[in-house]
Amino acid sequence: MRPSHAVFGALALAFTVPTAATADESVVGGTPVRVSQSPWAVALASHDRFGAARSGQFCGGVLVGSSTVVTAAHCLSREVLGVPWQQVGDLRIVIGRDNLSRGGGQELKPAKIWVNPAYDSWTNEGDMAVLTLQKPVRNRPIPIAPHEDTAYRAGNAATVYGWGDMTGEGTYASRLRSAEVNVLEDAVCARAYPGNADGTYKPESMLCAGEPGGGRDACQGDSGGPLVVHGRLVGLVSWGTGCGKAGSPGVYTRASALLPVVTGHGAG
């Protein structure tokens, strides 16, 4: 995310290939977490587009079925990749790798990619994509919280995961990290993002999370990654202004909006 989360996921990476992180941190205000504790957190990668450092990671994703990964639509945009996603021959989903600068886990090529044709890059509405793996994996997927789930209630403690920038200044992580944030009232995000160049907050399809004073947030390179409440997926990192700025909370694609799409792609 940043300057608008919708370009935030990987825009900095698209124009400046990062070197290995000098500090093993990512999401702003985050702490380390092992992939074995969050086996549904995956990375999107391309060595051709983003170099070999950190496995070529440029965005996050979430395993929601044994062969189904969801991510942000803008992660697969020309603005992020520099070319249409169909031209990225080495696009891979990295699963089960604790340290992106080393081996381990799996790098899997998607068999099928669906990018929401209704995604609006101006408002950031509909920021979702589905990648179907060539074969099922054994990693445990995370359930998607349905529309009426109490996990979406304002005030809930939530956790955002990613390998992105820890400072907003281009210092990228090699190890997965997480940050604790709170689900915020829709009115808070509506006031922060009433409709401008950064985007427009739409409570029907978006979720707002952060801290009133800032300090903990997702950042560049985290887009498409999971926001989790009580062991259920409630959001995908999508957009916002700055990283951890007071008055500019993170905006997430509401996970319940993914359910019909995931079902339609035969999640399994």
Protein backbone atom coordinates (compact mmCIF):
# COMPACT_ATOMS: atom_id res chain seq x y z
CA MET A 1 0.00 0.00 0.00
CA ARG A 2 1.41 3.44 -0.37
CA PRO A 3 1.12 6.07 -1.56
CA SER A 4 -2.15 4.26 -2.14
CA HIS A 5 -2.34 0.64 -0.95
CA ALA A 6 -3.59 -0.40 -4.35
CA VAL A 7 -0.27 0.50 -5.83
CA PHE A 8 1.24 -0.12 -2.47
CA GLY A 9 1.68 -3.83 -2.70
CA ALA A 10 4.57 -3.84 -5.08
CA LEU A 11 4.96 -0.50 -6.81
CA ALA A 12 8.25 0.24 -5.12
CA LEU A 13 9.49 -3.22 -6.06
CA ALA A 14 8.45 -2.83 -9.67
CA PHE A 15 10.77 0.10 -10.22
CA THR A 16 13.58 -0.66 -7.77
CA VAL A 17 14.51 -4.28 -7.19
CA PRO A 18 15.32 -4.51 -3.48
CA THR A 19 18.38 -6.13 -2.06
CA ALA A 20 18.12 -8.51 0.87
CA ALA A 21 16.72 -6.73 3.90
CA THR A 22 19.26 -5.29 6.28
CA ALA A 23 16.86 -5.85 9.17
CA ASP A 24 14.70 -8.96 9.42
CA GLU A 25 11.43 -7.08 9.69
CA SER A 26 8.42 -6.24 7.51
CA VAL A 27 4.91 -5.04 8.29
CA VAL A 28 5.31 -1.79 10.21
CA GLY A 29 5.45 -2.46 13.95
CA GLY A 30 5.63 -6.20 13.29
CA THR A 31 7.21 -9.18 15.01
CA PRO A 32 8.60 -12.43 13.53
CA VAL A 33 6.32 -15.42 13.02
CA ARG A 34 7.14 -18.85 11.65
CA VAL A 35 5.41 -19.99 8.49
CA SER A 36 4.53 -23.22 10.31
CA GLN A 37 2.34 -21.12 12.61
CA SER A 38 0.57 -19.54 9.63
CA PRO A 39 0.84 -22.12 6.82
CA TRP A 40 -1.82 -20.30 4.78
CA ALA A 41 0.38 -17.20 4.32
CA VAL A 42 2.10 -17.40 0.92
CA ALA A 43 4.24 -15.14 -1.25
CA LEU A 44 3.90 -14.20 -4.92
CA ALA A 45 7.25 -14.12 -6.67
CA SER A 46 8.99 -13.59 -10.00
CA HIS A 47 12.76 -13.64 -10.37
CA ASP A 48 12.50 -12.20 -13.88
CA ARG A 49 10.58 -9.11 -12.74
CA PHE A 50 11.98 -8.56 -9.23
CA GLY A 51 15.36 -10.29 -9.05
CA ALA A 52 16.60 -13.28 -7.10
CA ALA A 53 16.81 -11.57 -3.69
CA ARG A 54 14.10 -12.74 -1.30
CA SER A 55 12.92 -15.32 -3.87
CA GLY A 56 11.65 -12.50 -6.11
CA GLN A 57 8.76 -11.76 -3.73
CA PHE A 58 6.54 -8.82 -4.64
CA CYS A 59 3.15 -9.48 -3.00
CA GLY A 60 1.43 -11.74 -0.51
CA GLY A 61 -1.39 -14.24 -0.88
CA VAL A 62 -3.54 -16.57 1.19
CA LEU A 63 -4.17 -20.29 0.84
CA VAL A 64 -7.95 -20.73 1.24
CA GLY A 65 -8.21 -24.26 -0.19
CA SER A 66 -5.82 -27.11 -0.84
CA SER A 67 -5.24 -25.76 -4.36
CA THR A 68 -6.66 -22.22 -4.15
CA VAL A 69 -4.81 -18.98 -3.36
CA VAL A 70 -6.37 -15.51 -3.18
CA THR A 71 -4.51 -12.23 -3.54
CA ALA A 72 -5.11 -8.60 -4.57
CA ALA A 73 -6.03 -7.87 -8.18
CA HIS A 74 -3.61 -4.96 -8.29
CA CYS A 75 -0.71 -7.34 -7.57
CA LEU A 76 -1.20 -8.75 -11.07
CA SER A 77 -1.59 -5.38 -12.77
CA ARG A 78 0.72 -3.90 -15.39
CA GLU A 79 1.44 -1.05 -12.95
CA VAL A 80 3.00 -3.53 -10.54
CA LEU A 81 4.52 -6.09 -12.89
CA GLY A 82 5.57 -3.73 -15.66
CA VAL A 83 3.95 -6.04 -18.23
CA PRO A 84 0.63 -7.92 -18.45
CA TRP A 85 0.64 -10.84 -16.00
CA GLN A 86 0.30 -13.25 -18.93
CA GLN A 87 3.84 -12.29 -19.94
CA VAL A 88 5.38 -13.20 -16.56
CA GLY A 89 6.49 -16.72 -17.39
CA ASP A 90 8.08 -17.45 -14.03
CA LEU A 91 5.22 -16.29 -11.77
CA ARG A 92 5.33 -18.54 -8.71
CA ILE A 93 3.51 -19.03 -5.41
CA VAL A 94 5.98 -19.63 -2.59
CA ILE A 95 4.52 -21.84 0.12
CA GLY A 96 6.06 -22.95 3.40
CA ARG A 97 9.34 -20.97 3.13
CA ASP A 98 10.37 -19.32 6.40
CA ASN A 99 13.21 -17.31 4.90
CA LEU A 100 12.74 -15.97 1.38
CA SER A 101 16.49 -15.54 1.03
CA ARG A 102 16.99 -19.30 1.44
CA GLY A 103 15.45 -22.54 0.22
CA GLY A 104 12.75 -24.73 1.69
CA GLY A 105 9.07 -25.01 1.08
CA GLN A 106 7.70 -25.06 -2.44
CA GLU A 107 7.60 -22.73 -5.45
CA LEU A 108 4.49 -23.63 -7.44
CA LYS A 109 3.35 -22.38 -10.82
CA PRO A 110 -0.35 -21.49 -10.98
CA ALA A 111 -2.39 -23.60 -13.39
CA LYS A 112 -5.06 -20.91 -13.71
CA ILE A 113 -5.29 -17.21 -12.84
CA TRP A 114 -8.46 -15.15 -12.50
CA VAL A 115 -8.18 -11.39 -11.97
CA ASN A 116 -11.42 -9.63 -11.11
CA PRO A 117 -12.52 -7.88 -14.32
CA ALA A 118 -14.62 -5.51 -12.21
CA TYR A 119 -11.63 -4.25 -10.22
CA ASP A 120 -11.68 -0.44 -10.19
CA SER A 121 -8.17 0.98 -9.84
CA TRP A 122 -9.55 4.45 -9.02
CA THR A 123 -11.76 3.51 -6.06
CA ASN A 124 -9.82 0.24 -5.38
CA GLU A 125 -13.11 -1.66 -5.23
CA GLY A 126 -13.06 -5.36 -6.13
CA ASP A 127 -9.34 -5.78 -5.44
CA MET A 128 -9.22 -9.58 -5.65
CA ALA A 129 -7.72 -12.38 -7.72
CA VAL A 130 -7.76 -16.18 -7.52
CA LEU A 131 -4.83 -18.44 -8.42
CA THR A 132 -5.43 -22.17 -8.82
CA LEU A 133 -2.45 -24.42 -8.13
CA GLN A 134 -1.47 -27.25 -10.47
CA LYS A 135 -1.90 -29.72 -7.62
CA PRO A 136 -3.19 -29.70 -4.03
CA VAL A 137 -0.77 -28.96 -1.21
CA ARG A 138 -0.74 -30.30 2.32
CA ASN A 139 -0.45 -26.92 3.99
CA ARG A 140 -3.51 -26.05 6.06
CA PRO A 141 -5.74 -23.43 4.40
CA ILE A 142 -7.52 -20.73 6.41
CA PRO A 143 -11.32 -20.47 6.46
CA ILE A 144 -12.92 -17.31 5.09
CA ALA A 145 -15.21 -15.58 7.60
CA PRO A 146 -18.75 -15.40 6.11
CA HIS A 147 -20.65 -12.13 5.82
CA GLU A 148 -22.38 -12.15 9.22
CA ASP A 149 -19.40 -13.51 11.15
CA THR A 150 -18.62 -11.68 14.40
CA ALA A 151 -14.96 -11.57 13.31
CA TYR A 152 -15.80 -8.41 11.31
CA ARG A 153 -16.95 -6.46 14.37
CA ALA A 154 -15.23 -3.15 15.06
CA GLY A 155 -12.92 -3.37 18.06
CA ASN A 156 -11.74 -6.91 17.33
CA ALA A 157 -8.02 -7.53 17.57
CA ALA A 158 -6.68 -8.56 14.16
CA THR A 159 -3.33 -9.69 12.78
CA VAL A 160 -1.85 -8.74 9.42
CA TYR A 161 0.95 -10.82 7.87
CA GLY A 162 3.59 -10.07 5.25
CA TRP A 163 7.14 -9.93 3.99
CA GLY A 164 6.93 -6.25 3.02
CA ASP A 165 8.55 -2.98 3.98
CA MET A 166 9.00 -2.41 7.69
CA THR A 167 9.55 1.35 7.62
CA GLY A 168 7.88 2.66 4.48
CA GLU A 169 11.36 3.54 3.21
CA GLY A 170 12.24 0.41 1.25
CA THR A 171 13.63 -1.98 3.86
CA TYR A 172 12.14 -5.36 2.98
CA ALA A 173 12.02 -8.49 5.10
CA SER A 174 13.28 -11.96 4.32
CA ARG A 175 11.20 -13.59 7.08
CA LEU A 176 7.45 -13.47 7.53
CA ARG A 177 6.24 -11.05 10.17
CA SER A 178 2.93 -10.04 11.67
CA ALA A 179 1.48 -6.93 13.31
CA GLU A 180 -1.46 -6.54 15.67
CA VAL A 181 -4.09 -4.01 14.60
CA ASN A 182 -7.75 -3.40 15.43
CA VAL A 183 -10.79 -3.63 13.20
CA LEU A 184 -12.15 -0.08 13.00
CA GLU A 185 -15.62 1.37 12.53
CA ASP A 186 -16.59 1.91 8.90
CA ALA A 187 -17.18 5.57 9.73
CA VAL A 188 -13.50 5.99 10.60
CA CYS A 189 -12.39 4.86 7.15
CA ALA A 190 -15.17 6.77 5.42
CA ARG A 191 -13.83 9.97 6.99
CA ALA A 192 -10.24 9.09 6.10
CA TYR A 193 -11.04 8.11 2.51
CA PRO A 194 -14.20 9.91 1.35
CA GLY A 195 -13.14 9.72 -2.28
CA ASN A 196 -9.90 11.14 -3.66
CA ALA A 197 -6.81 10.07 -5.61
CA ASP A 198 -6.00 7.42 -2.99
CA GLY A 199 -9.36 5.66 -3.28
CA THR A 200 -12.88 5.54 -1.90
CA TYR A 201 -13.85 3.49 1.12
CA LYS A 202 -16.75 1.13 0.34
CA PRO A 203 -17.95 -0.67 3.50
CA GLU A 204 -19.82 -3.32 1.52
CA SER A 205 -16.63 -4.71 0.04
CA MET A 206 -13.85 -3.25 2.20
CA LEU A 207 -12.66 -3.46 5.79
CA CYS A 208 -10.75 -0.89 7.80
CA ALA A 209 -8.04 -1.77 10.35
CA GLY A 210 -5.21 0.00 12.14
CA GLU A 211 -4.39 2.02 15.23
CA PRO A 212 -5.76 5.51 16.04
CA GLY A 213 -2.25 6.85 16.57
CA GLY A 214 -0.68 4.85 13.75
CA GLY A 215 2.50 2.81 14.19
CA ARG A 216 1.29 -0.67 13.17
CA ASP A 217 0.21 -1.40 9.61
CA ALA A 218 0.86 -3.28 6.39
CA CYS A 219 3.20 -1.64 3.90
CA GLN A 220 4.78 -2.01 0.44
CA GLY A 221 5.12 -5.66 -0.54
CA ASP A 222 2.35 -6.87 1.81
CA SER A 223 -0.56 -6.44 -0.63
CA GLY A 224 -2.73 -9.49 -1.11
CA GLY A 225 -1.68 -10.87 2.27
CA PRO A 226 -4.03 -11.91 5.08
CA LEU A 227 -5.80 -10.01 7.84
CA VAL A 228 -6.92 -12.58 10.40
CA VAL A 229 -9.35 -12.50 13.34
CA HIS A 230 -9.94 -15.54 15.57
CA GLY A 231 -8.31 -17.88 13.06
CA ARG A 232 -10.50 -16.72 10.17
CA LEU A 233 -9.62 -14.62 7.13
CA VAL A 234 -11.41 -11.27 7.23
CA GLY A 235 -9.38 -9.24 4.73
CA LEU A 236 -6.72 -8.98 2.05
CA VAL A 237 -4.21 -6.13 2.23
CA SER A 238 -5.34 -3.67 -0.43
CA TRP A 239 -4.68 0.07 -0.08
CA GLY A 240 -4.30 3.18 2.07
CA THR A 241 -2.13 6.26 2.50
CA GLY A 242 1.35 5.94 3.93
CA CYS A 243 2.47 3.15 6.27
CA GLY A 244 1.33 3.33 9.89
CA LYS A 245 0.32 7.00 9.65
CA ALA A 246 -2.08 8.39 12.22
CA GLY A 247 -5.45 9.09 10.64
CA SER A 248 -4.70 6.88 7.61
CA PRO A 249 -5.69 3.30 8.51
CA GLY A 250 -5.13 0.36 6.21
CA VAL A 251 -7.95 -0.70 3.92
CA TYR A 252 -8.53 -4.36 3.13
CA THR A 253 -10.69 -6.23 0.64
CA ARG A 254 -13.48 -7.68 2.81
CA ALA A 255 -12.93 -11.44 2.77
CA SER A 256 -16.65 -12.27 2.65
CA ALA A 257 -16.70 -10.68 -0.83
CA LEU A 258 -14.30 -13.45 -1.90
CA LEU A 259 -16.66 -16.30 -1.01
CA PRO A 260 -18.76 -16.45 -4.20
CA VAL A 261 -15.63 -16.07 -6.33
CA VAL A 262 -13.70 -18.78 -4.50
CA THR A 263 -16.70 -21.11 -4.60
CA GLY A 264 -17.07 -20.46 -8.32
CA HIS A 265 -13.46 -21.50 -8.85
CA GLY A 266 -14.01 -24.78 -7.04
CA ALA A 267 -11.79 -24.08 -4.04
CA GLY A 268 -10.30 -27.29 -2.82
